[in-house]
Amino acid sequence: MAVVAGILFILMYAVIVSEKIHRTVAAMLGALLMILSGILSQDTALHHIDFNTLGLLVGMMVLVGVTSHTGLFDYVAIKAARAAKAEPRRILVYLGFITAVFSGFLDNVTTVLLMVPVTFSITQKLHINPMPFLLTQIIASNVGGTATLIGDPPNIMIGSAVKELTFMAFIENLAPIAIFNLLIVIFLVEVIYRKGLKTTPELQAELMRLDERKALKDRRLLSRALFVLALVILGFFTHSVTHIESSLIALTGGFLLLLLAGGSHHLVEKTMKSVEWATIFFFIGLFIAVGGLIETGIINSLAARAVAVTGGDVTATSLMVLWLSALVSSVLDNIPFVATMIPLIQNMGAMGVSNLEPVWWSLALGACLGGNGTLVGASANLIVAGLAAERGVKITFIQYFKIGFPIMLLTIVLSTVYVYIRYLI
């Protein structure tokens, strides 16, 4: 059965990477074949689904779906452009920081979906190339998402699997290096593209005449959305005291906001359509497929080999996981990779690798930052490329690679130094 499970998983992974068919279809078919072939029973397959991760994702998607109707995100972007005095280089820096902050508290895909249309609106008004702004937002979304438990799907999965890694633990351990990496990244992109970040005083004056307040569509709903978002974030911060699961906090917040927004049939149906159900089923398929590897002993075997390579040394294991995660996540979607790595690291702990905490932080850093390496490294990258193509701006694989891969390597080098100094000396 182990051979069959391994073949099915490799085939599923290959189809996901090839993008010949939608990754959700590939993952679900892989999962269903694991069950139909007898590798997993239906009950065992359900046991391997991490409903905490799914609940957290759905809850945050509902929250963002309702909040997006208020015009808040347009307001913030226009406010930032005016605060920058419509100076392109400053706008690039401001929008990069805003993207990173949003990505720390929303998922990356949602963040770029909200930011890219406003970015195009601003760059068109200033008659400047949107490319540096788009590249900055791709990279900033992945760097910013590294900083918190809910910022990037890999972190959500790790936090759900390891209960000791709370919302505050993610911020305390990952936010410092994420902020430092962000400063370096935005500085580098600004230096690389500074010659093209110029416009005319007339166009700047036109942008300065925009009134960000007009972007707010529903102030009453906005006040309620901000109230609920504050409660949810407070819930995440106090998790270590209340011990309420992050999924329960997010789902409660999402449906409380729907109730406070009126709970009308139209609003609920519209919000449910904004939930990325394809992503949710992609996760379900992955959890079941990885469950097949766990039940047949493949994960245990891989863990034993990894321990043999590193000799169980926590320093070697942490740095190996950091670089392996970064390089693999730069060419493959980081979600299936992390889904495979989590049980492997758990088994390494059972085999004698003491103090796994640096290993978990290394996995989070490598998977999230590694996504910046290529255009296919993270879902947000492909979303930005798709939105840009719809507006006549083509971001090619090579074009992105020339900027993204060196920046990714630099952030991983900095992260290596950080992990070594903070945890391993």
Protein backbone atom coordinates (compact mmCIF):
# COMPACT_ATOMS: atom_id res chain seq x y z
CA MET A 1 0.00 0.00 0.00
CA ALA A 2 2.91 2.36 0.70
CA VAL A 3 4.04 2.13 -2.93
CA VAL A 4 0.54 2.86 -4.23
CA ALA A 5 0.17 5.82 -1.82
CA GLY A 6 3.55 7.21 -2.89
CA ILE A 7 2.72 6.91 -6.58
CA LEU A 8 -0.69 8.54 -6.15
CA PHE A 9 0.83 11.43 -4.16
CA ILE A 10 3.63 12.03 -6.69
CA LEU A 11 1.12 11.97 -9.58
CA MET A 12 -1.15 14.38 -7.74
CA TYR A 13 1.77 16.72 -7.01
CA ALA A 14 2.94 16.56 -10.63
CA VAL A 15 -0.51 17.52 -11.92
CA ILE A 16 -0.70 20.41 -9.42
CA VAL A 17 2.70 21.70 -10.56
CA SER A 18 1.89 21.30 -14.27
CA GLU A 19 -1.26 23.47 -13.86
CA LYS A 20 -2.85 21.50 -16.71
CA ILE A 21 -5.97 21.20 -14.60
CA HIS A 22 -7.06 23.22 -11.58
CA ARG A 23 -5.10 22.35 -8.45
CA THR A 24 -8.33 21.79 -6.49
CA VAL A 25 -9.45 19.09 -8.91
CA ALA A 26 -6.01 17.44 -8.75
CA ALA A 27 -5.92 17.47 -4.93
CA MET A 28 -9.47 16.18 -4.50
CA LEU A 29 -8.99 13.39 -7.07
CA GLY A 30 -5.75 12.40 -5.33
CA ALA A 31 -7.57 12.29 -1.99
CA LEU A 32 -10.52 10.31 -3.36
CA LEU A 33 -8.19 7.78 -4.99
CA MET A 34 -6.46 7.32 -1.62
CA ILE A 35 -9.86 6.32 -0.19
CA LEU A 36 -11.12 4.29 -3.17
CA SER A 37 -7.87 2.28 -3.34
CA GLY A 38 -8.29 1.26 0.32
CA ILE A 39 -5.26 3.18 1.61
CA LEU A 40 -7.55 5.20 3.87
CA SER A 41 -11.03 4.49 5.16
CA GLN A 42 -13.54 7.31 4.92
CA ASP A 43 -13.46 7.81 8.69
CA THR A 44 -9.65 7.89 8.77
CA ALA A 45 -9.60 10.38 5.88
CA LEU A 46 -11.95 12.71 7.78
CA HIS A 47 -9.70 12.39 10.83
CA HIS A 48 -6.76 13.78 8.84
CA ILE A 49 -8.65 16.93 7.74
CA ASP A 50 -7.53 19.89 9.84
CA PHE A 51 -10.84 21.63 10.48
CA ASN A 52 -9.15 24.32 12.59
CA THR A 53 -7.22 25.52 9.53
CA LEU A 54 -10.35 25.39 7.35
CA GLY A 55 -12.46 27.23 9.94
CA LEU A 56 -9.87 29.97 10.30
CA LEU A 57 -9.67 30.46 6.53
CA VAL A 58 -13.45 30.56 6.05
CA GLY A 59 -13.98 32.90 9.00
CA MET A 60 -11.37 35.40 7.76
CA MET A 61 -12.72 35.19 4.20
CA VAL A 62 -16.22 36.04 5.45
CA LEU A 63 -14.85 38.97 7.46
CA VAL A 64 -12.92 40.34 4.50
CA GLY A 65 -15.84 39.70 2.13
CA VAL A 66 -18.18 41.90 4.18
CA THR A 67 -15.54 44.55 4.92
CA SER A 68 -14.65 44.91 1.23
CA HIS A 69 -18.14 46.35 0.61
CA THR A 70 -17.30 49.36 2.78
CA GLY A 71 -14.57 50.80 0.51
CA LEU A 72 -12.04 50.71 3.37
CA PHE A 73 -9.19 49.36 1.27
CA ASP A 74 -9.65 51.96 -1.50
CA TYR A 75 -9.75 54.65 1.17
CA VAL A 76 -6.45 53.53 2.70
CA ALA A 77 -4.67 53.35 -0.69
CA ILE A 78 -5.84 56.81 -1.81
CA LYS A 79 -5.02 58.26 1.61
CA ALA A 80 -1.51 56.82 1.32
CA ALA A 81 -1.01 58.28 -2.18
CA ARG A 82 -2.03 61.73 -0.95
CA ALA A 83 0.10 61.38 2.18
CA ALA A 84 3.03 60.66 -0.17
CA LYS A 85 2.29 63.98 -1.93
CA ALA A 86 1.66 61.94 -5.10
CA GLU A 87 5.43 61.34 -5.37
CA PRO A 88 5.85 57.93 -7.13
CA ARG A 89 8.81 56.70 -5.07
CA ARG A 90 7.03 57.48 -1.83
CA ILE A 91 3.81 55.90 -3.09
CA LEU A 92 5.71 52.69 -3.89
CA VAL A 93 7.07 52.61 -0.33
CA TYR A 94 3.72 53.42 1.28
CA LEU A 95 1.73 50.90 -0.76
CA GLY A 96 4.39 48.27 -0.09
CA PHE A 97 4.06 48.78 3.66
CA ILE A 98 0.24 48.82 3.48
CA THR A 99 0.26 45.56 1.52
CA ALA A 100 2.55 43.96 4.10
CA VAL A 101 0.39 45.12 7.03
CA PHE A 102 -2.83 43.93 5.36
CA SER A 103 -1.15 40.60 4.57
CA GLY A 104 -0.31 40.17 8.23
CA PHE A 105 -3.99 40.14 9.14
CA LEU A 106 -5.68 38.96 5.92
CA ASP A 107 -4.62 36.19 3.58
CA ASN A 108 -2.22 37.21 0.80
CA VAL A 109 -4.59 36.48 -2.07
CA THR A 110 -7.33 38.68 -0.62
CA THR A 111 -4.82 41.46 0.04
CA VAL A 112 -3.54 41.63 -3.54
CA LEU A 113 -7.05 41.30 -4.95
CA LEU A 114 -7.94 44.46 -3.04
CA MET A 115 -4.68 46.37 -3.63
CA VAL A 116 -3.94 45.76 -7.33
CA PRO A 117 -7.00 47.55 -8.82
CA VAL A 118 -6.29 50.66 -6.70
CA THR A 119 -2.60 50.51 -7.66
CA PHE A 120 -3.50 50.53 -11.35
CA SER A 121 -5.83 53.47 -10.78
CA ILE A 122 -3.04 55.47 -9.13
CA THR A 123 -0.32 54.60 -11.66
CA GLN A 124 -2.62 55.39 -14.59
CA LYS A 125 -3.39 58.82 -13.16
CA LEU A 126 0.35 59.49 -12.79
CA HIS A 127 1.22 57.91 -16.20
CA ILE A 128 3.93 55.70 -14.68
CA ASN A 129 4.90 52.05 -15.14
CA PRO A 130 2.88 49.88 -12.72
CA MET A 131 5.47 47.07 -12.81
CA PRO A 132 7.61 48.14 -9.80
CA PHE A 133 4.45 48.66 -7.74
CA LEU A 134 3.11 45.20 -8.65
CA LEU A 135 6.42 43.47 -7.93
CA THR A 136 6.68 45.29 -4.60
CA GLN A 137 3.17 44.19 -3.63
CA ILE A 138 3.83 40.55 -4.55
CA ILE A 139 6.98 40.45 -2.45
CA ALA A 140 5.54 42.57 0.39
CA SER A 141 2.46 40.35 0.63
CA ASN A 142 4.60 37.26 1.15
CA VAL A 143 7.00 38.99 3.56
CA GLY A 144 4.17 40.59 5.54
CA GLY A 145 2.25 37.32 5.67
CA THR A 146 5.26 35.72 7.36
CA ALA A 147 4.81 37.84 10.49
CA THR A 148 1.58 36.43 11.95
CA LEU A 149 -0.35 33.22 12.45
CA ILE A 150 -3.10 34.28 10.03
CA GLY A 151 -0.92 36.05 7.44
CA ASP A 152 -0.15 33.13 5.13
CA PRO A 153 -1.70 29.66 4.73
CA PRO A 154 1.55 27.85 5.71
CA ASN A 155 1.53 29.70 9.05
CA ILE A 156 -2.14 28.86 9.60
CA MET A 157 -1.33 25.19 9.01
CA ILE A 158 1.71 25.21 11.31
CA GLY A 159 -0.14 27.05 14.08
CA SER A 160 -3.04 24.63 13.84
CA ALA A 161 -0.74 21.59 14.02
CA VAL A 162 1.38 22.88 16.91
CA LYS A 163 -0.90 24.29 19.62
CA GLU A 164 2.01 25.82 21.56
CA LEU A 165 2.67 28.23 18.67
CA THR A 166 0.08 30.88 19.51
CA PHE A 167 -0.83 34.09 17.68
CA MET A 168 1.47 36.07 19.99
CA ALA A 169 4.27 33.51 19.56
CA PHE A 170 4.22 34.03 15.78
CA ILE A 171 4.44 37.81 16.19
CA GLU A 172 7.19 37.64 18.81
CA ASN A 173 9.31 35.19 16.79
CA LEU A 174 8.65 36.09 13.15
CA ALA A 175 7.59 39.75 13.06
CA PRO A 176 11.10 41.15 13.84
CA ILE A 177 12.79 39.42 10.90
CA ALA A 178 9.75 40.00 8.65
CA ILE A 179 9.90 43.76 9.32
CA PHE A 180 13.66 43.85 8.71
CA ASN A 181 13.31 41.88 5.47
CA LEU A 182 10.48 44.19 4.36
CA LEU A 183 12.63 47.31 4.85
CA ILE A 184 15.44 45.76 2.80
CA VAL A 185 13.08 44.55 0.04
CA ILE A 186 11.28 47.87 -0.45
CA PHE A 187 14.59 49.76 -0.44
CA LEU A 188 16.02 47.43 -3.11
CA VAL A 189 12.97 47.64 -5.42
CA GLU A 190 12.93 51.42 -5.04
CA VAL A 191 16.63 51.61 -6.00
CA ILE A 192 16.22 49.23 -8.96
CA TYR A 193 13.29 51.15 -10.48
CA ARG A 194 14.01 54.70 -9.27
CA LYS A 195 14.68 56.04 -12.81
CA GLY A 196 11.17 55.10 -13.94
CA LEU A 197 9.42 56.46 -10.86
CA LYS A 198 8.89 59.97 -12.19
CA THR A 199 5.81 61.95 -13.21
CA THR A 200 4.79 65.55 -13.87
CA PRO A 201 3.69 68.18 -11.33
CA GLU A 202 0.37 68.52 -13.22
CA LEU A 203 -0.45 64.83 -12.83
CA GLN A 204 0.58 64.93 -9.17
CA ALA A 205 -1.75 67.86 -8.59
CA GLU A 206 -4.60 65.93 -10.23
CA LEU A 207 -4.05 62.95 -7.91
CA MET A 208 -3.87 65.25 -4.88
CA ARG A 209 -7.37 66.49 -5.72
CA LEU A 210 -8.84 63.02 -5.08
CA ASP A 211 -10.95 62.77 -1.92
CA GLU A 212 -10.37 59.45 -0.17
CA ARG A 213 -13.57 59.95 1.84
CA LYS A 214 -15.61 59.42 -1.31
CA ALA A 215 -14.21 55.87 -1.50
CA LEU A 216 -16.12 54.94 1.66
CA LYS A 217 -19.39 53.41 0.47
CA ASP A 218 -21.04 52.44 3.75
CA ARG A 219 -19.79 54.20 6.89
CA ARG A 220 -22.27 52.42 9.15
CA LEU A 221 -21.11 49.01 7.98
CA LEU A 222 -17.49 50.18 8.20
CA SER A 223 -17.81 51.05 11.90
CA ARG A 224 -19.33 47.64 12.62
CA ALA A 225 -16.69 45.85 10.55
CA LEU A 226 -13.85 47.64 12.37
CA PHE A 227 -15.48 46.79 15.72
CA VAL A 228 -15.70 43.08 14.86
CA LEU A 229 -12.19 43.00 13.37
CA ALA A 230 -10.86 44.53 16.60
CA LEU A 231 -12.67 41.83 18.63
CA VAL A 232 -11.25 39.07 16.41
CA ILE A 233 -7.68 40.38 16.64
CA LEU A 234 -8.11 40.74 20.42
CA GLY A 235 -9.29 37.12 20.48
CA PHE A 236 -6.15 36.02 18.63
CA PHE A 237 -3.90 37.98 21.02
CA THR A 238 -5.57 36.49 24.11
CA HIS A 239 -5.63 32.89 22.83
CA SER A 240 -2.98 31.81 25.34
CA VAL A 241 -5.28 32.95 28.17
CA THR A 242 -8.73 31.98 26.84
CA HIS A 243 -7.60 28.83 24.95
CA ILE A 244 -10.35 29.49 22.38
CA GLU A 245 -9.30 28.02 19.01
CA SER A 246 -8.39 30.54 16.31
CA SER A 247 -10.94 28.96 13.95
CA LEU A 248 -13.75 29.55 16.46
CA ILE A 249 -12.66 33.17 16.92
CA ALA A 250 -12.59 33.82 13.15
CA LEU A 251 -15.89 32.06 12.43
CA THR A 252 -17.63 33.84 15.31
CA GLY A 253 -16.33 37.17 14.04
CA GLY A 254 -17.35 36.46 10.47
CA PHE A 255 -20.93 35.49 11.25
CA LEU A 256 -21.31 38.16 13.94
CA LEU A 257 -20.41 40.76 11.30
CA LEU A 258 -22.96 39.26 8.91
CA LEU A 259 -25.57 39.58 11.66
CA LEU A 260 -24.60 43.18 12.50
CA ALA A 261 -24.61 44.01 8.77
CA GLY A 262 -28.28 43.04 8.61
CA GLY A 263 -28.02 39.35 7.85
CA SER A 264 -30.06 39.78 4.66
CA HIS A 265 -30.34 36.89 2.20
CA HIS A 266 -28.65 38.98 -0.49
CA LEU A 267 -25.66 39.96 1.69
CA VAL A 268 -25.14 36.43 3.01
CA GLU A 269 -25.29 34.90 -0.47
CA LYS A 270 -22.94 37.56 -1.87
CA THR A 271 -20.48 37.02 0.99
CA MET A 272 -20.57 33.24 0.64
CA LYS A 273 -19.71 33.64 -3.05
CA SER A 274 -16.65 35.69 -2.06
CA VAL A 275 -15.31 32.77 0.01
CA GLU A 276 -12.66 30.95 -2.00
CA TRP A 277 -14.28 27.52 -1.85
CA ALA A 278 -11.80 26.18 -4.41
CA THR A 279 -9.01 26.93 -1.92
CA ILE A 280 -10.93 25.26 0.93
CA PHE A 281 -11.43 22.05 -1.08
CA PHE A 282 -7.78 22.21 -2.19
CA PHE A 283 -6.80 22.05 1.50
CA ILE A 284 -9.22 19.19 2.16
CA GLY A 285 -7.72 17.17 -0.68
CA LEU A 286 -4.18 17.85 0.53
CA PHE A 287 -4.92 16.88 4.11
CA ILE A 288 -6.39 13.55 3.01
CA ALA A 289 -3.58 12.83 0.52
CA VAL A 290 -0.91 13.54 3.14
CA GLY A 291 -2.93 11.35 5.52
CA GLY A 292 -2.37 8.49 3.08
CA LEU A 293 1.41 9.00 3.38
CA ILE A 294 1.14 9.06 7.18
CA GLU A 295 -0.99 5.90 7.44
CA THR A 296 1.31 3.90 5.15
CA GLY A 297 4.46 4.90 7.04
CA ILE A 298 6.07 6.94 4.23
CA ILE A 299 6.27 10.12 6.35
CA ASN A 300 7.84 8.15 9.19
CA SER A 301 10.46 6.72 6.83
CA LEU A 302 11.33 10.15 5.41
CA ALA A 303 11.64 11.55 8.94
CA ALA A 304 14.02 8.75 9.90
CA ARG A 305 16.24 9.54 6.89
CA ALA A 306 16.23 13.26 7.68
CA VAL A 307 17.27 12.55 11.28
CA ALA A 308 20.03 10.28 9.98
CA VAL A 309 21.32 13.07 7.70
CA THR A 310 21.36 15.72 10.45
CA GLY A 311 22.24 13.34 13.25
CA GLY A 312 19.34 14.72 15.23
CA ASP A 313 21.20 18.03 15.68
CA VAL A 314 18.67 20.87 16.05
CA THR A 315 20.97 23.43 14.36
CA ALA A 316 21.52 21.29 11.26
CA THR A 317 17.84 20.31 11.16
CA SER A 318 16.61 23.91 11.43
CA LEU A 319 18.90 25.27 8.73
CA MET A 320 18.19 22.31 6.45
CA VAL A 321 14.42 22.87 6.80
CA LEU A 322 14.81 26.63 6.24
CA TRP A 323 16.75 26.32 2.97
CA LEU A 324 14.87 23.26 1.70
CA SER A 325 11.56 25.01 2.33
CA ALA A 326 12.71 28.18 0.59
CA LEU A 327 14.09 26.50 -2.52
CA VAL A 328 11.18 24.09 -2.93
CA SER A 329 8.57 26.78 -2.22
CA SER A 330 10.13 29.02 -4.85
CA VAL A 331 9.23 26.57 -7.61
CA LEU A 332 6.24 24.75 -6.08
CA ASP A 333 3.18 26.07 -4.29
CA ASN A 334 4.16 26.28 -0.62
CA ILE A 335 0.81 24.93 0.68
CA PRO A 336 1.19 21.28 -0.41
CA PHE A 337 4.86 21.35 0.58
CA VAL A 338 4.06 22.51 4.13
CA ALA A 339 1.21 20.00 4.37
CA THR A 340 3.80 17.28 3.72
CA MET A 341 6.47 18.74 6.02
CA ILE A 342 4.33 19.15 9.14
CA PRO A 343 3.88 15.44 9.95
CA LEU A 344 7.48 14.80 8.87
CA ILE A 345 8.81 17.30 11.44
CA GLN A 346 6.45 15.92 14.09
CA ASN A 347 7.91 12.46 13.48
CA MET A 348 11.45 13.86 13.65
CA GLY A 349 10.58 15.11 17.13
CA ALA A 350 9.41 11.65 18.13
CA MET A 351 12.74 10.26 16.90
CA GLY A 352 14.87 12.37 19.20
CA VAL A 353 15.24 15.86 17.68
CA SER A 354 14.91 17.96 20.83
CA ASN A 355 13.53 21.51 20.90
CA LEU A 356 11.57 21.58 17.65
CA GLU A 357 10.59 25.26 17.98
CA PRO A 358 13.48 26.59 15.81
CA VAL A 359 12.55 23.98 13.19
CA TRP A 360 8.92 25.21 13.06
CA TRP A 361 10.01 28.84 12.71
CA SER A 362 12.46 27.80 9.99
CA LEU A 363 9.66 26.03 8.11
CA ALA A 364 7.42 29.11 8.33
CA LEU A 365 10.17 31.48 7.18
CA GLY A 366 11.35 29.23 4.36
CA ALA A 367 7.89 28.47 2.99
CA CYS A 368 6.56 32.04 3.16
CA LEU A 369 9.67 33.88 1.97
CA GLY A 370 10.53 31.17 -0.56
CA GLY A 371 7.27 31.97 -2.32
CA ASN A 372 8.94 35.17 -3.59
CA GLY A 373 11.48 33.21 -5.64
CA THR A 374 9.43 32.72 -8.81
CA LEU A 375 6.10 33.70 -10.27
CA VAL A 376 4.63 30.28 -9.37
CA GLY A 377 5.98 30.22 -5.81
CA ALA A 378 2.81 31.48 -4.12
CA SER A 379 -0.84 31.94 -5.02
CA ALA A 380 -0.65 35.72 -4.56
CA ASN A 381 2.07 35.94 -7.24
CA LEU A 382 -0.14 34.30 -9.85
CA ILE A 383 -3.16 36.38 -8.84
CA VAL A 384 -1.23 39.63 -9.37
CA ALA A 385 0.08 38.39 -12.73
CA GLY A 386 -3.47 37.50 -13.78
CA LEU A 387 -4.93 40.84 -12.71
CA ALA A 388 -2.10 42.66 -14.49
CA ALA A 389 -2.64 40.66 -17.70
CA GLU A 390 -6.33 41.65 -17.69
CA ARG A 391 -5.16 45.28 -17.76
CA GLY A 392 -2.61 44.77 -20.54
CA VAL A 393 0.51 44.47 -18.36
CA LYS A 394 2.36 41.18 -18.79
CA ILE A 395 4.59 39.91 -15.99
CA THR A 396 6.69 37.10 -17.49
CA PHE A 397 8.34 34.31 -15.51
CA ILE A 398 11.85 35.50 -16.41
CA GLN A 399 11.03 39.15 -15.78
CA TYR A 400 9.86 38.35 -12.27
CA PHE A 401 12.64 35.79 -11.66
CA LYS A 402 15.38 38.39 -12.23
CA ILE A 403 14.04 40.48 -9.35
CA GLY A 404 12.23 37.96 -7.13
CA PHE A 405 14.81 35.17 -6.89
CA PRO A 406 17.81 37.29 -5.78
CA ILE A 407 15.58 39.09 -3.27
CA MET A 408 14.28 35.76 -1.98
CA LEU A 409 17.84 34.46 -1.51
CA LEU A 410 18.79 37.63 0.37
CA THR A 411 15.81 37.34 2.74
CA ILE A 412 16.66 33.68 3.41
CA VAL A 413 20.30 34.55 4.15
CA LEU A 414 19.11 37.22 6.60
CA SER A 415 16.63 34.72 8.09
CA THR A 416 19.41 32.14 8.47
CA VAL A 417 21.46 34.61 10.50
CA TYR A 418 18.37 35.49 12.56
CA VAL A 419 17.45 31.87 13.32
CA TYR A 420 21.03 30.96 14.18
CA ILE A 421 21.60 33.93 16.52
CA ARG A 422 18.18 33.83 18.20
CA TYR A 423 17.66 30.10 18.67
CA LEU A 424 20.80 28.09 17.99
CA ILE A 425 23.70 29.81 19.75
